Amino acid sequence: MKKVILIHFFILQALVISAQEKVQIKLTSASPSASFEQELGSTMIKVSYSRPLARGRKIFGEVVPFEKLWRTGASDCTTITTNEDIVFGNTTLKMGSYSIFTIPSKKEWTVIVNTDTTLHGETGYDAKKDIFRFTVPVESIPNFYETFTIEINDINSKGEGFLKIIWENSMVKIPLKSKADETILAVIDKNIIKEKNLDANLLFQAANYYYSTNRDSKQAIVWLLEAEKLDPKNFYYPNLRQKIATDLKDYPNAIEAAKKALSIAELKKMKSAEALKKQILELELLLKK
């Protein structure tokens, strides 16, 4: 009986020791991986990179030496993928995937776009595979970024924005531009300006694009007036016209357009009617000043 108890004891001890040997602590990454997709105009852009942490260290000039090639992150090289041609910096970048390297310095960075996306860090980097290089100034920012960050931000209606590289108290901004603006303007030029296409919705879209991108407001109003003649029961045409006329401080025409939009809104029992009544009162007060 004692032998059986001893055998069971040793088996239990062996199991405990075995279980203890298998226990492991999975540490958090010092450079978490990240990727994001951002729509820019008509283009979808994807960026994949690793995000090292400052951890109390001095970054630029020490952890990231000045005047030396940098992977622009950690671990594998940073990559950018675009499904259309875009303007990257001031140069056209063809549709595809690329690696991004940089050479930081105190006042400006050299940004490098390379065709090799398979690299781990700078190892194996070949300058012969560079597509192009350009420089961008360094900006000091008040907020401290503990984690290395890449983002696409400050996007406007023309399909323009900036790829921002941020760490510590430093930031560089790379201008980006999709082909959306060029494409839309080409459609407007061909169909409306040259071929005089009298389609009410197309005229409205052209006017709305001019309005949202701060272009020729007077031309936008001309297109809207034509659209209203073609489709007099459409609320959106005079409503947009009153907004543009208000921005131009052309209050008489803004009031006329607002009243026209209001009559359509009331006829169709639209919720916009109450807001338009208030807008008309405000415009009439501005006209009296």
C-alpha atoms as a PDB file:
ATOM      1  CA  MET A   1       0.000   0.000   0.000  1.00  0.00           C
ATOM      2  CA  LYS A   2       2.848   2.383   0.878  1.00  0.00           C
ATOM      3  CA  LYS A   3       4.478   1.611  -2.504  1.00  0.00           C
ATOM      4  CA  VAL A   4       1.255   2.524  -4.338  1.00  0.00           C
ATOM      5  CA  ILE A   5       0.993   5.814  -2.426  1.00  0.00           C
ATOM      6  CA  LEU A   6       4.630   6.636  -3.185  1.00  0.00           C
ATOM      7  CA  ILE A   7       4.146   5.881  -6.888  1.00  0.00           C
ATOM      8  CA  HIS A   8       1.085   8.156  -7.025  1.00  0.00           C
ATOM      9  CA  PHE A   9       3.039  10.885  -5.203  1.00  0.00           C
ATOM     10  CA  PHE A  10       5.949  10.750  -7.639  1.00  0.00           C
ATOM     11  CA  ILE A  11       3.585  10.778 -10.632  1.00  0.00           C
ATOM     12  CA  LEU A  12       1.800  13.843  -9.225  1.00  0.00           C
ATOM     13  CA  GLN A  13       5.102  15.607  -8.585  1.00  0.00           C
ATOM     14  CA  ALA A  14       6.252  14.851 -12.123  1.00  0.00           C
ATOM     15  CA  LEU A  15       3.037  16.287 -13.533  1.00  0.00           C
ATOM     16  CA  VAL A  16       3.417  19.454 -11.427  1.00  0.00           C
ATOM     17  CA  ILE A  17       7.038  19.934 -12.501  1.00  0.00           C
ATOM     18  CA  SER A  18       6.103  19.292 -16.133  1.00  0.00           C
ATOM     19  CA  ALA A  19       3.294  21.859 -15.944  1.00  0.00           C
ATOM     20  CA  GLN A  20       5.635  24.369 -14.340  1.00  0.00           C
ATOM     21  CA  GLU A  21       8.208  23.894 -17.095  1.00  0.00           C
ATOM     22  CA  LYS A  22       5.603  24.706 -19.783  1.00  0.00           C
ATOM     23  CA  VAL A  23       4.495  27.987 -18.215  1.00  0.00           C
ATOM     24  CA  GLN A  24       5.698  30.921 -20.287  1.00  0.00           C
ATOM     25  CA  ILE A  25       5.129  34.655 -20.185  1.00  0.00           C
ATOM     26  CA  LYS A  26       4.324  36.152 -23.557  1.00  0.00           C
ATOM     27  CA  LEU A  27       5.860  39.609 -23.493  1.00  0.00           C
ATOM     28  CA  THR A  28       4.219  42.522 -25.238  1.00  0.00           C
ATOM     29  CA  SER A  29       5.933  43.719 -28.394  1.00  0.00           C
ATOM     30  CA  ALA A  30       8.341  46.639 -28.145  1.00  0.00           C
ATOM     31  CA  SER A  31       7.357  47.529 -31.707  1.00  0.00           C
ATOM     32  CA  PRO A  32       3.719  46.552 -32.359  1.00  0.00           C
ATOM     33  CA  SER A  33       2.851  45.925 -35.985  1.00  0.00           C
ATOM     34  CA  ALA A  34       0.163  48.041 -37.616  1.00  0.00           C
ATOM     35  CA  SER A  35      -1.549  48.554 -40.941  1.00  0.00           C
ATOM     36  CA  PHE A  36      -4.328  50.794 -42.152  1.00  0.00           C
ATOM     37  CA  GLU A  37      -6.222  51.627 -45.313  1.00  0.00           C
ATOM     38  CA  GLN A  38      -7.277  55.136 -46.212  1.00  0.00           C
ATOM     39  CA  GLU A  39      -9.493  56.278 -49.046  1.00  0.00           C
ATOM     40  CA  LEU A  40      -8.065  59.373 -50.714  1.00  0.00           C
ATOM     41  CA  GLY A  41     -10.284  60.718 -53.471  1.00  0.00           C
ATOM     42  CA  SER A  42     -10.747  57.787 -55.834  1.00  0.00           C
ATOM     43  CA  THR A  43      -7.706  55.918 -54.472  1.00  0.00           C
ATOM     44  CA  MET A  44      -7.334  53.344 -51.692  1.00  0.00           C
ATOM     45  CA  ILE A  45      -3.952  53.515 -49.968  1.00  0.00           C
ATOM     46  CA  LYS A  46      -2.633  50.894 -47.532  1.00  0.00           C
ATOM     47  CA  VAL A  47       0.319  51.416 -45.199  1.00  0.00           C
ATOM     48  CA  SER A  48       1.954  48.592 -43.193  1.00  0.00           C
ATOM     49  CA  TYR A  49       4.646  49.283 -40.590  1.00  0.00           C
ATOM     50  CA  SER A  50       5.905  48.609 -37.070  1.00  0.00           C
ATOM     51  CA  ARG A  51       5.533  51.110 -34.231  1.00  0.00           C
ATOM     52  CA  PRO A  52       8.535  51.276 -31.875  1.00  0.00           C
ATOM     53  CA  LEU A  53       8.083  52.929 -28.474  1.00  0.00           C
ATOM     54  CA  ALA A  54      10.249  55.741 -27.109  1.00  0.00           C
ATOM     55  CA  ARG A  55      10.529  54.191 -23.623  1.00  0.00           C
ATOM     56  CA  GLY A  56      12.301  57.210 -22.144  1.00  0.00           C
ATOM     57  CA  ARG A  57      14.960  57.332 -24.835  1.00  0.00           C
ATOM     58  CA  LYS A  58      16.086  60.267 -26.949  1.00  0.00           C
ATOM     59  CA  ILE A  59      14.887  59.304 -30.417  1.00  0.00           C
ATOM     60  CA  PHE A  60      16.130  61.520 -33.233  1.00  0.00           C
ATOM     61  CA  GLY A  61      19.852  61.965 -33.217  1.00  0.00           C
ATOM     62  CA  GLU A  62      20.382  58.942 -30.939  1.00  0.00           C
ATOM     63  CA  VAL A  63      18.058  55.932 -31.334  1.00  0.00           C
ATOM     64  CA  VAL A  64      17.498  57.077 -34.921  1.00  0.00           C
ATOM     65  CA  PRO A  65      20.839  58.606 -35.986  1.00  0.00           C
ATOM     66  CA  PHE A  66      20.898  61.646 -38.211  1.00  0.00           C
ATOM     67  CA  GLU A  67      22.173  61.329 -41.786  1.00  0.00           C
ATOM     68  CA  LYS A  68      21.747  57.531 -41.861  1.00  0.00           C
ATOM     69  CA  LEU A  69      19.295  55.317 -43.728  1.00  0.00           C
ATOM     70  CA  TRP A  70      16.313  54.350 -41.558  1.00  0.00           C
ATOM     71  CA  ARG A  71      13.630  51.712 -42.154  1.00  0.00           C
ATOM     72  CA  THR A  72      11.067  54.305 -40.978  1.00  0.00           C
ATOM     73  CA  GLY A  73       9.783  52.181 -38.145  1.00  0.00           C
ATOM     74  CA  ALA A  74      11.019  48.846 -36.840  1.00  0.00           C
ATOM     75  CA  SER A  75      11.164  45.173 -37.842  1.00  0.00           C
ATOM     76  CA  ASP A  76      10.306  44.755 -41.543  1.00  0.00           C
ATOM     77  CA  CYS A  77      10.477  47.737 -43.867  1.00  0.00           C
ATOM     78  CA  THR A  78       7.512  50.082 -44.034  1.00  0.00           C
ATOM     79  CA  THR A  79       5.369  49.580 -47.145  1.00  0.00           C
ATOM     80  CA  ILE A  80       2.762  51.572 -49.023  1.00  0.00           C
ATOM     81  CA  THR A  81       0.311  50.145 -51.562  1.00  0.00           C
ATOM     82  CA  THR A  82      -1.918  52.153 -53.879  1.00  0.00           C
ATOM     83  CA  ASN A  83      -4.570  50.851 -56.271  1.00  0.00           C
ATOM     84  CA  GLU A  84      -4.185  53.857 -58.586  1.00  0.00           C
ATOM     85  CA  ASP A  85      -1.433  56.202 -59.672  1.00  0.00           C
ATOM     86  CA  ILE A  86      -1.029  58.997 -57.104  1.00  0.00           C
ATOM     87  CA  VAL A  87       1.193  62.016 -56.614  1.00  0.00           C
ATOM     88  CA  PHE A  88       3.547  61.228 -53.731  1.00  0.00           C
ATOM     89  CA  GLY A  89       5.494  64.315 -52.750  1.00  0.00           C
ATOM     90  CA  ASN A  90       5.677  66.038 -56.124  1.00  0.00           C
ATOM     91  CA  THR A  91       6.202  62.902 -58.228  1.00  0.00           C
ATOM     92  CA  THR A  92       3.757  60.442 -59.756  1.00  0.00           C
ATOM     93  CA  LEU A  93       3.851  57.053 -58.035  1.00  0.00           C
ATOM     94  CA  LYS A  94       2.473  54.282 -60.199  1.00  0.00           C
ATOM     95  CA  MET A  95      -0.106  51.837 -58.886  1.00  0.00           C
ATOM     96  CA  GLY A  96       1.580  49.080 -56.848  1.00  0.00           C
ATOM     97  CA  SER A  97       3.452  48.326 -53.602  1.00  0.00           C
ATOM     98  CA  TYR A  98       6.651  50.027 -52.436  1.00  0.00           C
ATOM     99  CA  SER A  99       8.899  50.344 -49.406  1.00  0.00           C
ATOM    100  CA  ILE A 100       9.532  53.686 -47.732  1.00  0.00           C
ATOM    101  CA  PHE A 101      12.929  54.545 -46.286  1.00  0.00           C
ATOM    102  CA  THR A 102      14.076  57.848 -44.856  1.00  0.00           C
ATOM    103  CA  ILE A 103      17.274  59.656 -43.945  1.00  0.00           C
ATOM    104  CA  PRO A 104      16.417  61.969 -41.038  1.00  0.00           C
ATOM    105  CA  SER A 105      18.395  65.101 -40.245  1.00  0.00           C
ATOM    106  CA  LYS A 106      17.766  68.041 -37.916  1.00  0.00           C
ATOM    107  CA  LYS A 107      16.008  70.305 -40.415  1.00  0.00           C
ATOM    108  CA  GLU A 108      14.772  67.989 -43.163  1.00  0.00           C
ATOM    109  CA  TRP A 109      14.327  64.348 -44.074  1.00  0.00           C
ATOM    110  CA  THR A 110      15.117  62.594 -47.305  1.00  0.00           C
ATOM    111  CA  VAL A 111      12.200  60.339 -48.249  1.00  0.00           C
ATOM    112  CA  ILE A 112      13.036  57.309 -50.406  1.00  0.00           C
ATOM    113  CA  VAL A 113      10.558  55.163 -52.330  1.00  0.00           C
ATOM    114  CA  ASN A 114      11.977  51.740 -53.254  1.00  0.00           C
ATOM    115  CA  THR A 115      10.544  48.764 -55.159  1.00  0.00           C
ATOM    116  CA  ASP A 116      11.785  46.084 -52.720  1.00  0.00           C
ATOM    117  CA  THR A 117       9.057  45.341 -50.135  1.00  0.00           C
ATOM    118  CA  THR A 118      10.647  42.122 -48.783  1.00  0.00           C
ATOM    119  CA  LEU A 119      13.363  43.653 -46.622  1.00  0.00           C
ATOM    120  CA  HIS A 120      13.820  43.299 -42.880  1.00  0.00           C
ATOM    121  CA  GLY A 121      14.873  46.762 -41.804  1.00  0.00           C
ATOM    122  CA  GLU A 122      17.654  48.234 -43.914  1.00  0.00           C
ATOM    123  CA  THR A 123      19.317  44.852 -44.490  1.00  0.00           C
ATOM    124  CA  GLY A 124      19.701  44.234 -48.211  1.00  0.00           C
ATOM    125  CA  TYR A 125      18.645  47.751 -49.200  1.00  0.00           C
ATOM    126  CA  ASP A 126      19.706  48.514 -52.767  1.00  0.00           C
ATOM    127  CA  ALA A 127      19.681  52.147 -53.892  1.00  0.00           C
ATOM    128  CA  LYS A 128      19.445  50.949 -57.504  1.00  0.00           C
ATOM    129  CA  LYS A 129      15.854  49.912 -56.736  1.00  0.00           C
ATOM    130  CA  ASP A 130      14.851  53.417 -55.662  1.00  0.00           C
ATOM    131  CA  ILE A 131      12.004  54.954 -57.640  1.00  0.00           C
ATOM    132  CA  PHE A 132      12.737  58.486 -56.467  1.00  0.00           C
ATOM    133  CA  ARG A 133      13.904  60.609 -53.546  1.00  0.00           C
ATOM    134  CA  PHE A 134      12.854  64.008 -52.245  1.00  0.00           C
ATOM    135  CA  THR A 135      13.219  66.093 -49.096  1.00  0.00           C
ATOM    136  CA  VAL A 136      10.590  67.415 -46.677  1.00  0.00           C
ATOM    137  CA  PRO A 137      11.092  69.796 -43.746  1.00  0.00           C
ATOM    138  CA  VAL A 138      10.859  68.665 -40.135  1.00  0.00           C
ATOM    139  CA  GLU A 139       8.166  70.257 -37.959  1.00  0.00           C
ATOM    140  CA  SER A 140       8.281  70.473 -34.163  1.00  0.00           C
ATOM    141  CA  ILE A 141       4.982  69.572 -32.532  1.00  0.00           C
ATOM    142  CA  PRO A 142       3.859  70.318 -28.958  1.00  0.00           C
ATOM    143  CA  ASN A 143       2.410  66.894 -28.167  1.00  0.00           C
ATOM    144  CA  PHE A 144       4.851  64.089 -27.360  1.00  0.00           C
ATOM    145  CA  TYR A 145       4.278  60.885 -29.332  1.00  0.00           C
ATOM    146  CA  GLU A 146       5.453  57.880 -27.317  1.00  0.00           C
ATOM    147  CA  THR A 147       4.656  55.531 -30.192  1.00  0.00           C
ATOM    148  CA  PHE A 148       5.993  55.923 -33.719  1.00  0.00           C
ATOM    149  CA  THR A 149       3.032  56.859 -35.896  1.00  0.00           C
ATOM    150  CA  ILE A 150       2.230  57.038 -39.590  1.00  0.00           C
ATOM    151  CA  GLU A 151      -1.136  58.430 -40.670  1.00  0.00           C
ATOM    152  CA  ILE A 152      -2.879  59.915 -43.682  1.00  0.00           C
ATOM    153  CA  ASN A 153      -4.737  63.036 -42.684  1.00  0.00           C
ATOM    154  CA  ASP A 154      -5.811  66.583 -43.636  1.00  0.00           C
ATOM    155  CA  ILE A 155      -7.814  65.143 -46.546  1.00  0.00           C
ATOM    156  CA  ASN A 156      -9.767  67.618 -48.649  1.00  0.00           C
ATOM    157  CA  SER A 157     -12.549  67.430 -51.239  1.00  0.00           C
ATOM    158  CA  LYS A 158     -10.072  67.379 -54.120  1.00  0.00           C
ATOM    159  CA  GLY A 159      -8.612  64.049 -52.978  1.00  0.00           C
ATOM    160  CA  GLU A 160      -5.488  65.618 -51.507  1.00  0.00           C
ATOM    161  CA  GLY A 161      -3.932  64.950 -48.122  1.00  0.00           C
ATOM    162  CA  PHE A 162      -0.718  64.321 -46.244  1.00  0.00           C
ATOM    163  CA  LEU A 163       1.105  61.198 -45.156  1.00  0.00           C
ATOM    164  CA  LYS A 164       2.435  62.168 -41.731  1.00  0.00           C
ATOM    165  CA  ILE A 165       5.373  60.483 -40.008  1.00  0.00           C
ATOM    166  CA  ILE A 166       5.397  61.366 -36.303  1.00  0.00           C
ATOM    167  CA  TRP A 167       7.513  60.393 -33.301  1.00  0.00           C
ATOM    168  CA  GLU A 168       8.701  62.116 -30.167  1.00  0.00           C
ATOM    169  CA  ASN A 169       8.100  65.836 -30.869  1.00  0.00           C
ATOM    170  CA  SER A 170       8.898  65.693 -34.577  1.00  0.00           C
ATOM    171  CA  MET A 171       6.740  65.346 -37.676  1.00  0.00           C
ATOM    172  CA  VAL A 172       7.290  65.303 -41.421  1.00  0.00           C
ATOM    173  CA  LYS A 173       4.408  65.699 -43.888  1.00  0.00           C
ATOM    174  CA  ILE A 174       4.449  64.189 -47.377  1.00  0.00           C
ATOM    175  CA  PRO A 175       1.864  65.660 -49.780  1.00  0.00           C
ATOM    176  CA  LEU A 176      -0.444  63.104 -51.413  1.00  0.00           C
ATOM    177  CA  LYS A 177      -2.853  63.596 -54.289  1.00  0.00           C
ATOM    178  CA  SER A 178      -5.196  61.153 -55.990  1.00  0.00           C
ATOM    179  CA  LYS A 179      -6.234  61.513 -59.620  1.00  0.00           C
ATOM    180  CA  ALA A 180      -9.862  62.176 -58.599  1.00  0.00           C
ATOM    181  CA  ASP A 181      -9.738  65.961 -59.077  1.00  0.00           C
ATOM    182  CA  GLU A 182      -8.126  65.685 -62.481  1.00  0.00           C
ATOM    183  CA  THR A 183     -10.673  63.053 -63.564  1.00  0.00           C
ATOM    184  CA  ILE A 184     -13.703  65.025 -62.349  1.00  0.00           C
ATOM    185  CA  LEU A 185     -12.540  68.255 -63.982  1.00  0.00           C
ATOM    186  CA  ALA A 186     -11.978  66.374 -67.253  1.00  0.00           C
ATOM    187  CA  VAL A 187     -15.575  65.079 -67.148  1.00  0.00           C
ATOM    188  CA  ILE A 188     -16.896  68.594 -66.480  1.00  0.00           C
ATOM    189  CA  ASP A 189     -14.780  70.092 -69.236  1.00  0.00           C
ATOM    190  CA  LYS A 190     -15.782  67.486 -71.823  1.00  0.00           C
ATOM    191  CA  ASN A 191     -19.492  67.124 -71.066  1.00  0.00           C
ATOM    192  CA  ILE A 192     -20.542  70.567 -69.839  1.00  0.00           C
ATOM    193  CA  ILE A 193     -18.055  73.165 -71.064  1.00  0.00           C
ATOM    194  CA  LYS A 194     -17.275  71.722 -74.501  1.00  0.00           C
ATOM    195  CA  GLU A 195     -20.271  69.564 -75.410  1.00  0.00           C
ATOM    196  CA  LYS A 196     -22.871  71.740 -73.588  1.00  0.00           C
ATOM    197  CA  ASN A 197     -24.615  68.691 -72.097  1.00  0.00           C
ATOM    198  CA  LEU A 198     -27.957  69.891 -70.689  1.00  0.00           C
ATOM    199  CA  ASP A 199     -28.476  67.281 -68.002  1.00  0.00           C
ATOM    200  CA  ALA A 200     -29.833  68.826 -64.790  1.00  0.00           C
ATOM    201  CA  ASN A 201     -28.191  66.352 -62.424  1.00  0.00           C
ATOM    202  CA  LEU A 202     -24.826  66.614 -64.195  1.00  0.00           C
ATOM    203  CA  LEU A 203     -24.981  70.413 -63.956  1.00  0.00           C
ATOM    204  CA  PHE A 204     -25.825  70.132 -60.247  1.00  0.00           C
ATOM    205  CA  GLN A 205     -22.934  67.740 -59.624  1.00  0.00           C
ATOM    206  CA  ALA A 206     -20.518  70.082 -61.413  1.00  0.00           C
ATOM    207  CA  ALA A 207     -21.772  73.069 -59.416  1.00  0.00           C
ATOM    208  CA  ASN A 208     -21.563  71.111 -56.164  1.00  0.00           C
ATOM    209  CA  TYR A 209     -17.993  70.040 -56.932  1.00  0.00           C
ATOM    210  CA  TYR A 210     -16.967  73.612 -57.693  1.00  0.00           C
ATOM    211  CA  TYR A 211     -18.590  74.678 -54.416  1.00  0.00           C
ATOM    212  CA  SER A 212     -16.953  71.958 -52.281  1.00  0.00           C
ATOM    213  CA  THR A 213     -13.514  72.600 -53.796  1.00  0.00           C
ATOM    214  CA  ASN A 214     -13.682  76.420 -53.588  1.00  0.00           C
ATOM    215  CA  ARG A 215     -13.652  77.017 -57.324  1.00  0.00           C
ATOM    216  CA  ASP A 216     -15.542  79.511 -59.518  1.00  0.00           C
ATOM    217  CA  SER A 217     -18.707  80.167 -57.484  1.00  0.00           C
ATOM    218  CA  LYS A 218     -20.289  82.368 -60.137  1.00  0.00           C
ATOM    219  CA  GLN A 219     -19.936  79.600 -62.718  1.00  0.00           C
ATOM    220  CA  ALA A 220     -21.502  77.157 -60.237  1.00  0.00           C
ATOM    221  CA  ILE A 221     -24.522  79.483 -59.917  1.00  0.00           C
ATOM    222  CA  VAL A 222     -24.887  79.640 -63.717  1.00  0.00           C
ATOM    223  CA  TRP A 223     -25.004  75.841 -63.867  1.00  0.00           C
ATOM    224  CA  LEU A 224     -27.550  75.678 -61.040  1.00  0.00           C
ATOM    225  CA  LEU A 225     -29.852  78.190 -62.718  1.00  0.00           C
ATOM    226  CA  GLU A 226     -29.735  76.065 -65.865  1.00  0.00           C
ATOM    227  CA  ALA A 227     -30.463  72.923 -63.810  1.00  0.00           C
ATOM    228  CA  GLU A 228     -33.470  74.662 -62.214  1.00  0.00           C
ATOM    229  CA  LYS A 229     -34.890  75.453 -65.654  1.00  0.00           C
ATOM    230  CA  LEU A 230     -34.551  71.806 -66.659  1.00  0.00           C
ATOM    231  CA  ASP A 231     -35.971  70.420 -63.390  1.00  0.00           C
ATOM    232  CA  PRO A 232     -37.900  73.165 -61.548  1.00  0.00           C
ATOM    233  CA  LYS A 233     -39.282  70.854 -58.849  1.00  0.00           C
ATOM    234  CA  ASN A 234     -35.892  69.706 -57.533  1.00  0.00           C
ATOM    235  CA  PHE A 235     -35.271  71.130 -54.054  1.00  0.00           C
ATOM    236  CA  TYR A 236     -31.515  70.629 -54.063  1.00  0.00           C
ATOM    237  CA  TYR A 237     -30.713  72.960 -56.962  1.00  0.00           C
ATOM    238  CA  PRO A 238     -32.033  76.253 -55.487  1.00  0.00           C
ATOM    239  CA  ASN A 239     -30.937  75.154 -52.002  1.00  0.00           C
ATOM    240  CA  LEU A 240     -27.319  74.855 -53.109  1.00  0.00           C
ATOM    241  CA  ARG A 241     -27.631  78.126 -55.039  1.00  0.00           C
ATOM    242  CA  GLN A 242     -28.703  79.967 -51.889  1.00  0.00           C
ATOM    243  CA  LYS A 243     -25.702  78.581 -49.998  1.00  0.00           C
ATOM    244  CA  ILE A 244     -23.273  79.754 -52.685  1.00  0.00           C
ATOM    245  CA  ALA A 245     -24.946  83.172 -52.997  1.00  0.00           C
ATOM    246  CA  THR A 246     -24.792  83.555 -49.205  1.00  0.00           C
ATOM    247  CA  ASP A 247     -21.054  82.823 -49.233  1.00  0.00           C
ATOM    248  CA  LEU A 248     -20.672  85.467 -51.945  1.00  0.00           C
ATOM    249  CA  LYS A 249     -22.719  87.885 -49.759  1.00  0.00           C
ATOM    250  CA  ASP A 250     -25.124  88.255 -52.657  1.00  0.00           C
ATOM    251  CA  TYR A 251     -28.078  88.420 -50.284  1.00  0.00           C
ATOM    252  CA  PRO A 252     -30.850  89.363 -52.764  1.00  0.00           C
ATOM    253  CA  ASN A 253     -30.117  86.305 -54.918  1.00  0.00           C
ATOM    254  CA  ALA A 254     -29.596  84.153 -51.833  1.00  0.00           C
ATOM    255  CA  ILE A 255     -33.059  85.141 -50.552  1.00  0.00           C
ATOM    256  CA  GLU A 256     -34.664  84.472 -53.945  1.00  0.00           C
ATOM    257  CA  ALA A 257     -33.058  81.010 -54.139  1.00  0.00           C
ATOM    258  CA  ALA A 258     -33.943  80.207 -50.515  1.00  0.00           C
ATOM    259  CA  LYS A 259     -37.592  81.134 -51.077  1.00  0.00           C
ATOM    260  CA  LYS A 260     -37.706  78.955 -54.160  1.00  0.00           C
ATOM    261  CA  ALA A 261     -36.210  76.032 -52.218  1.00  0.00           C
ATOM    262  CA  LEU A 262     -38.679  76.677 -49.383  1.00  0.00           C
ATOM    263  CA  SER A 263     -41.704  76.507 -51.678  1.00  0.00           C
ATOM    264  CA  ILE A 264     -40.552  73.111 -52.969  1.00  0.00           C
ATOM    265  CA  ALA A 265     -39.777  71.884 -49.425  1.00  0.00           C
ATOM    266  CA  GLU A 266     -43.239  72.878 -48.185  1.00  0.00           C
ATOM    267  CA  LEU A 267     -44.921  71.291 -51.189  1.00  0.00           C
ATOM    268  CA  LYS A 268     -43.060  68.029 -50.548  1.00  0.00           C
ATOM    269  CA  LYS A 269     -43.428  68.347 -46.738  1.00  0.00           C
ATOM    270  CA  MET A 270     -39.669  68.179 -46.206  1.00  0.00           C
ATOM    271  CA  LYS A 271     -38.097  68.701 -42.791  1.00  0.00           C
ATOM    272  CA  SER A 272     -35.759  71.258 -44.353  1.00  0.00           C
ATOM    273  CA  ALA A 273     -38.576  73.811 -44.546  1.00  0.00           C
ATOM    274  CA  GLU A 274     -38.219  75.084 -40.959  1.00  0.00           C
ATOM    275  CA  ALA A 275     -34.471  75.575 -41.286  1.00  0.00           C
ATOM    276  CA  LEU A 276     -34.973  77.465 -44.552  1.00  0.00           C
ATOM    277  CA  LYS A 277     -37.491  79.831 -42.927  1.00  0.00           C
ATOM    278  CA  LYS A 278     -34.878  80.743 -40.324  1.00  0.00           C
ATOM    279  CA  GLN A 279     -32.238  81.099 -43.032  1.00  0.00           C
ATOM    280  CA  ILE A 280     -34.440  83.530 -44.981  1.00  0.00           C
ATOM    281  CA  LEU A 281     -35.012  85.681 -41.876  1.00  0.00           C
ATOM    282  CA  GLU A 282     -31.254  85.794 -41.229  1.00  0.00           C
ATOM    283  CA  LEU A 283     -30.571  86.730 -44.869  1.00  0.00           C
ATOM    284  CA  GLU A 284     -33.164  89.516 -44.765  1.00  0.00           C
ATOM    285  CA  LEU A 285     -31.511  90.938 -41.645  1.00  0.00           C
ATOM    286  CA  LEU A 286     -28.110  90.838 -43.370  1.00  0.00           C
ATOM    287  CA  LEU A 287     -29.581  92.608 -46.390  1.00  0.00           C
ATOM    288  CA  LYS A 288     -30.812  95.484 -44.190  1.00  0.00           C
ATOM    289  CA  LYS A 289     -27.383  96.083 -42.648  1.00  0.00           C
END
